[in-house]
C-alpha atoms as a PDB file:
ATOM      1  CA  UNK A   1       0.000   0.000   0.000  1.00  0.00           C
ATOM      2  CA  UNK A   2       2.814   2.372   0.940  1.00  0.00           C
ATOM      3  CA  UNK A   3       4.490   1.690  -2.438  1.00  0.00           C
ATOM      4  CA  UNK A   4       1.260   2.564  -4.299  1.00  0.00           C
ATOM      5  CA  UNK A   5       0.991   5.922  -2.498  1.00  0.00           C
ATOM      6  CA  UNK A   6       4.616   6.826  -3.284  1.00  0.00           C
ATOM      7  CA  UNK A   7       4.137   5.759  -6.911  1.00  0.00           C
ATOM      8  CA  UNK A   8       0.921   7.836  -7.237  1.00  0.00           C
ATOM      9  CA  UNK A   9       2.628  10.863  -5.627  1.00  0.00           C
ATOM     10  CA  UNK A  10       5.554  10.587  -8.032  1.00  0.00           C
ATOM     11  CA  UNK A  11       3.212  10.153 -11.018  1.00  0.00           C
ATOM     12  CA  UNK A  12       1.098  13.155 -10.054  1.00  0.00           C
ATOM     13  CA  UNK A  13       4.198  15.372  -9.643  1.00  0.00           C
ATOM     14  CA  UNK A  14       5.234  14.458 -13.197  1.00  0.00           C
ATOM     15  CA  UNK A  15       1.880  15.547 -14.593  1.00  0.00           C
ATOM     16  CA  UNK A  16       1.501  18.639 -12.421  1.00  0.00           C
ATOM     17  CA  UNK A  17       5.016  20.024 -12.917  1.00  0.00           C
ATOM     18  CA  UNK A  18       6.542  20.160 -16.383  1.00  0.00           C
ATOM     19  CA  UNK A  19      10.030  18.815 -16.772  1.00  0.00           C
ATOM     20  CA  UNK A  20      13.004  21.154 -16.856  1.00  0.00           C
ATOM     21  CA  UNK A  21      13.460  20.314 -20.519  1.00  0.00           C
ATOM     22  CA  UNK A  22       9.840  21.247 -21.344  1.00  0.00           C
ATOM     23  CA  UNK A  23      10.227  24.487 -19.408  1.00  0.00           C
ATOM     24  CA  UNK A  24      13.457  25.314 -21.282  1.00  0.00           C
ATOM     25  CA  UNK A  25      11.779  24.609 -24.644  1.00  0.00           C
ATOM     26  CA  UNK A  26       8.848  26.842 -23.740  1.00  0.00           C
ATOM     27  CA  UNK A  27      11.206  29.660 -22.681  1.00  0.00           C
ATOM     28  CA  UNK A  28      13.211  29.302 -25.926  1.00  0.00           C
ATOM     29  CA  UNK A  29      10.027  29.498 -27.999  1.00  0.00           C
ATOM     30  CA  UNK A  30       8.826  32.570 -26.101  1.00  0.00           C
ATOM     31  CA  UNK A  31      12.225  34.226 -26.524  1.00  0.00           C
ATOM     32  CA  UNK A  32      12.273  33.549 -30.276  1.00  0.00           C
ATOM     33  CA  UNK A  33       8.767  34.943 -30.650  1.00  0.00           C
ATOM     34  CA  UNK A  34       9.794  37.981 -28.620  1.00  0.00           C
ATOM     35  CA  UNK A  35      12.888  38.515 -30.802  1.00  0.00           C
ATOM     36  CA  UNK A  36      10.734  38.229 -33.916  1.00  0.00           C
ATOM     37  CA  UNK A  37       8.362  40.924 -32.620  1.00  0.00           C
ATOM     38  CA  UNK A  38      11.304  43.087 -31.547  1.00  0.00           C
ATOM     39  CA  UNK A  39      12.872  42.894 -35.003  1.00  0.00           C
ATOM     40  CA  UNK A  40       9.596  44.020 -36.565  1.00  0.00           C
ATOM     41  CA  UNK A  41       9.451  46.998 -34.209  1.00  0.00           C
ATOM     42  CA  UNK A  42      12.791  48.406 -35.358  1.00  0.00           C
ATOM     43  CA  UNK A  43      11.732  49.101 -38.926  1.00  0.00           C
ATOM     44  CA  UNK A  44      11.349  52.855 -38.277  1.00  0.00           C
ATOM     45  CA  UNK A  45      14.919  53.413 -37.156  1.00  0.00           C
ATOM     46  CA  UNK A  46      16.240  51.766 -40.335  1.00  0.00           C
ATOM     47  CA  UNK A  47      15.051  54.921 -42.118  1.00  0.00           C
ATOM     48  CA  UNK A  48      17.967  56.726 -40.436  1.00  0.00           C
ATOM     49  CA  UNK A  49      20.845  54.551 -41.647  1.00  0.00           C
ATOM     50  CA  UNK A  50      21.754  57.397 -44.020  1.00  0.00           C
ATOM     51  CA  UNK A  51      22.467  59.649 -41.001  1.00  0.00           C
ATOM     52  CA  UNK A  52      25.459  57.601 -39.827  1.00  0.00           C
ATOM     53  CA  UNK A  53      28.692  59.482 -40.382  1.00  0.00           C
ATOM     54  CA  UNK A  54      30.443  62.804 -39.881  1.00  0.00           C
ATOM     55  CA  UNK A  55      28.561  65.956 -40.958  1.00  0.00           C
ATOM     56  CA  UNK A  56      29.835  69.539 -41.100  1.00  0.00           C
ATOM     57  CA  UNK A  57      28.366  72.939 -41.833  1.00  0.00           C
ATOM     58  CA  UNK A  58      30.097  76.301 -42.187  1.00  0.00           C
ATOM     59  CA  UNK A  59      28.843  79.864 -42.122  1.00  0.00           C
ATOM     60  CA  UNK A  60      30.443  83.249 -41.545  1.00  0.00           C
ATOM     61  CA  UNK A  61      29.287  83.030 -37.911  1.00  0.00           C
ATOM     62  CA  UNK A  62      30.247  79.490 -36.916  1.00  0.00           C
ATOM     63  CA  UNK A  63      31.126  75.906 -37.785  1.00  0.00           C
ATOM     64  CA  UNK A  64      28.713  73.049 -36.956  1.00  0.00           C
ATOM     65  CA  UNK A  65      29.702  69.409 -36.588  1.00  0.00           C
ATOM     66  CA  UNK A  66      27.444  66.417 -36.027  1.00  0.00           C
ATOM     67  CA  UNK A  67      28.599  62.788 -35.822  1.00  0.00           C
ATOM     68  CA  UNK A  68      26.332  59.717 -35.699  1.00  0.00           C
ATOM     69  CA  UNK A  69      27.074  56.017 -35.078  1.00  0.00           C
ATOM     70  CA  UNK A  70      24.750  53.036 -35.173  1.00  0.00           C
ATOM     71  CA  UNK A  71      25.007  51.145 -31.879  1.00  0.00           C
ATOM     72  CA  UNK A  72      22.519  48.336 -32.595  1.00  0.00           C
ATOM     73  CA  UNK A  73      19.204  47.686 -34.358  1.00  0.00           C
ATOM     74  CA  UNK A  74      17.325  50.128 -32.103  1.00  0.00           C
ATOM     75  CA  UNK A  75      19.822  52.841 -31.136  1.00  0.00           C
ATOM     76  CA  UNK A  76      22.034  55.432 -32.784  1.00  0.00           C
ATOM     77  CA  UNK A  77      24.273  57.721 -30.732  1.00  0.00           C
ATOM     78  CA  UNK A  78      25.784  61.015 -31.714  1.00  0.00           C
ATOM     79  CA  UNK A  79      27.259  64.285 -30.639  1.00  0.00           C
ATOM     80  CA  UNK A  80      27.333  67.761 -32.065  1.00  0.00           C
ATOM     81  CA  UNK A  81      29.043  71.036 -31.370  1.00  0.00           C
ATOM     82  CA  UNK A  82      29.220  74.544 -32.743  1.00  0.00           C
ATOM     83  CA  UNK A  83      32.476  76.491 -32.885  1.00  0.00           C
ATOM     84  CA  UNK A  84      32.879  80.250 -33.221  1.00  0.00           C
ATOM     85  CA  UNK A  85      35.258  81.684 -35.842  1.00  0.00           C
ATOM     86  CA  UNK A  86      37.799  81.879 -33.002  1.00  0.00           C
ATOM     87  CA  UNK A  87      37.287  78.105 -32.459  1.00  0.00           C
ATOM     88  CA  UNK A  88      35.559  78.572 -29.079  1.00  0.00           C
ATOM     89  CA  UNK A  89      32.837  76.027 -28.321  1.00  0.00           C
ATOM     90  CA  UNK A  90      29.497  77.814 -28.412  1.00  0.00           C
ATOM     91  CA  UNK A  91      27.364  74.720 -27.838  1.00  0.00           C
ATOM     92  CA  UNK A  92      27.859  70.977 -27.458  1.00  0.00           C
ATOM     93  CA  UNK A  93      25.428  68.131 -26.967  1.00  0.00           C
ATOM     94  CA  UNK A  94      25.132  64.371 -26.932  1.00  0.00           C
ATOM     95  CA  UNK A  95      22.283  62.729 -28.809  1.00  0.00           C
ATOM     96  CA  UNK A  96      20.585  59.378 -29.044  1.00  0.00           C
ATOM     97  CA  UNK A  97      18.096  58.172 -31.614  1.00  0.00           C
ATOM     98  CA  UNK A  98      16.203  55.381 -29.914  1.00  0.00           C
ATOM     99  CA  UNK A  99      13.311  53.188 -30.980  1.00  0.00           C
ATOM    100  CA  UNK A 100      11.101  52.091 -28.090  1.00  0.00           C
ATOM    101  CA  UNK A 101       8.311  49.867 -29.284  1.00  0.00           C
ATOM    102  CA  UNK A 102       6.525  51.698 -32.061  1.00  0.00           C
ATOM    103  CA  UNK A 103       7.904  55.140 -31.081  1.00  0.00           C
ATOM    104  CA  UNK A 104      11.105  56.746 -32.274  1.00  0.00           C
ATOM    105  CA  UNK A 105      12.760  59.274 -29.948  1.00  0.00           C
ATOM    106  CA  UNK A 106      15.542  61.791 -30.402  1.00  0.00           C
ATOM    107  CA  UNK A 107      17.056  62.356 -26.955  1.00  0.00           C
ATOM    108  CA  UNK A 108      19.286  65.409 -26.621  1.00  0.00           C
ATOM    109  CA  UNK A 109      21.501  66.319 -23.685  1.00  0.00           C
ATOM    110  CA  UNK A 110      22.970  69.778 -24.196  1.00  0.00           C
ATOM    111  CA  UNK A 111      25.771  70.901 -21.901  1.00  0.00           C
ATOM    112  CA  UNK A 112      24.919  73.730 -19.509  1.00  0.00           C
ATOM    113  CA  UNK A 113      21.211  73.487 -20.352  1.00  0.00           C
ATOM    114  CA  UNK A 114      18.151  71.877 -18.732  1.00  0.00           C
ATOM    115  CA  UNK A 115      20.086  71.153 -15.516  1.00  0.00           C
ATOM    116  CA  UNK A 116      22.179  68.678 -17.550  1.00  0.00           C
ATOM    117  CA  UNK A 117      19.088  66.480 -18.045  1.00  0.00           C
ATOM    118  CA  UNK A 118      18.294  64.890 -21.426  1.00  0.00           C
ATOM    119  CA  UNK A 119      15.226  66.064 -23.333  1.00  0.00           C
ATOM    120  CA  UNK A 120      13.254  63.602 -25.456  1.00  0.00           C
ATOM    121  CA  UNK A 121      11.616  64.529 -28.772  1.00  0.00           C
ATOM    122  CA  UNK A 122       9.213  62.060 -30.403  1.00  0.00           C
ATOM    123  CA  UNK A 123       9.011  61.432 -34.150  1.00  0.00           C
ATOM    124  CA  UNK A 124       5.636  62.902 -35.089  1.00  0.00           C
ATOM    125  CA  UNK A 125       5.873  62.830 -38.859  1.00  0.00           C
ATOM    126  CA  UNK A 126       7.982  62.004 -41.847  1.00  0.00           C
ATOM    127  CA  UNK A 127       7.597  62.236 -45.588  1.00  0.00           C
ATOM    128  CA  UNK A 128       9.887  62.698 -48.555  1.00  0.00           C
ATOM    129  CA  UNK A 129      13.102  62.446 -46.486  1.00  0.00           C
ATOM    130  CA  UNK A 130      11.893  64.973 -43.894  1.00  0.00           C
ATOM    131  CA  UNK A 131      11.739  63.728 -40.279  1.00  0.00           C
ATOM    132  CA  UNK A 132       9.979  65.804 -37.606  1.00  0.00           C
ATOM    133  CA  UNK A 133      10.601  65.308 -33.872  1.00  0.00           C
ATOM    134  CA  UNK A 134       8.575  67.286 -31.344  1.00  0.00           C
ATOM    135  CA  UNK A 135       8.307  67.980 -27.632  1.00  0.00           C
ATOM    136  CA  UNK A 136       5.701  70.710 -27.066  1.00  0.00           C
ATOM    137  CA  UNK A 137       6.474  70.764 -23.312  1.00  0.00           C
ATOM    138  CA  UNK A 138      10.087  71.859 -23.830  1.00  0.00           C
ATOM    139  CA  UNK A 139      10.905  75.584 -23.788  1.00  0.00           C
ATOM    140  CA  UNK A 140      13.153  75.793 -26.872  1.00  0.00           C
ATOM    141  CA  UNK A 141      13.306  74.118 -29.248  1.00  0.00           C
ATOM    142  CA  UNK A 142       9.971  72.344 -29.406  1.00  0.00           C
ATOM    143  CA  UNK A 143      10.673  70.900 -32.837  1.00  0.00           C
ATOM    144  CA  UNK A 144      13.740  69.344 -34.474  1.00  0.00           C
ATOM    145  CA  UNK A 145      13.676  68.485 -38.173  1.00  0.00           C
ATOM    146  CA  UNK A 146      16.153  66.442 -40.191  1.00  0.00           C
ATOM    147  CA  UNK A 147      15.753  66.908 -43.921  1.00  0.00           C
ATOM    148  CA  UNK A 148      17.832  64.595 -46.112  1.00  0.00           C
ATOM    149  CA  UNK A 149      18.647  66.664 -49.180  1.00  0.00           C
ATOM    150  CA  UNK A 150      20.914  64.070 -50.846  1.00  0.00           C
ATOM    151  CA  UNK A 151      23.192  61.224 -49.758  1.00  0.00           C
ATOM    152  CA  UNK A 152      25.859  63.765 -48.835  1.00  0.00           C
ATOM    153  CA  UNK A 153      23.811  66.716 -47.567  1.00  0.00           C
ATOM    154  CA  UNK A 154      21.171  67.440 -44.950  1.00  0.00           C
ATOM    155  CA  UNK A 155      19.393  70.368 -43.384  1.00  0.00           C
ATOM    156  CA  UNK A 156      18.854  70.173 -39.626  1.00  0.00           C
ATOM    157  CA  UNK A 157      16.445  72.694 -38.153  1.00  0.00           C
ATOM    158  CA  UNK A 158      15.390  73.616 -34.634  1.00  0.00           C
ATOM    159  CA  UNK A 159      12.335  75.767 -34.009  1.00  0.00           C
ATOM    160  CA  UNK A 160       9.909  76.994 -31.396  1.00  0.00           C
ATOM    161  CA  UNK A 161       9.099  80.086 -29.392  1.00  0.00           C
ATOM    162  CA  UNK A 162      12.199  81.708 -27.924  1.00  0.00           C
ATOM    163  CA  UNK A 163      11.840  84.845 -25.779  1.00  0.00           C
ATOM    164  CA  UNK A 164       8.296  85.359 -27.044  1.00  0.00           C
ATOM    165  CA  UNK A 165       9.168  85.091 -30.735  1.00  0.00           C
ATOM    166  CA  UNK A 166       8.888  82.196 -33.152  1.00  0.00           C
ATOM    167  CA  UNK A 167      12.439  81.221 -34.006  1.00  0.00           C
ATOM    168  CA  UNK A 168      13.833  78.886 -36.654  1.00  0.00           C
ATOM    169  CA  UNK A 169      17.539  78.034 -36.771  1.00  0.00           C
ATOM    170  CA  UNK A 170      18.846  76.056 -39.745  1.00  0.00           C
ATOM    171  CA  UNK A 171      22.023  73.991 -39.919  1.00  0.00           C
ATOM    172  CA  UNK A 172      22.879  72.994 -43.493  1.00  0.00           C
ATOM    173  CA  UNK A 173      25.520  70.249 -43.440  1.00  0.00           C
ATOM    174  CA  UNK A 174      27.461  68.055 -45.819  1.00  0.00           C
ATOM    175  CA  UNK A 175      28.922  64.622 -45.180  1.00  0.00           C
ATOM    176  CA  UNK A 176      32.636  64.830 -44.488  1.00  0.00           C
ATOM    177  CA  UNK A 177      34.615  62.654 -46.862  1.00  0.00           C
ATOM    178  CA  UNK A 178      36.891  60.012 -45.336  1.00  0.00           C
ATOM    179  CA  UNK A 179      40.531  60.958 -45.741  1.00  0.00           C
END
């Protein structure tokens, strides 16, 4: 009788609790399905592969530089700075282009601004190589636009209300050739 009870207890534990191997297989399947969904989600950021590289713009007032690298299938990182004609740094910032689910975000952390905290702008529209990121809660800028003119040129633009006036600042840039 005692043997029957032990046998029934052992049998019921096999049916109630899946084996380690079954659990591992289930976890692998869930992970593969998750990776498949994740890959589908990163389609938007692929639109920005053209942005990778070293960009420069020159005017009589300053020199702008922007550099982008692709970190992985959901994140690009970059930095930019503006130099005066005397080569003093007027502005510098670190940037990240990050896809989270179905949303694409441009996160900007400008030195000596916003208490050194990053500000996130969400992609709100794109058409014909023009990409619009917005954050209406930010003071200035509230909008950042990247306009791909050609493979080797772009027009970056920041805009919003600054000191009570609508302000638009354009940064035309060309891709720096590798030496």
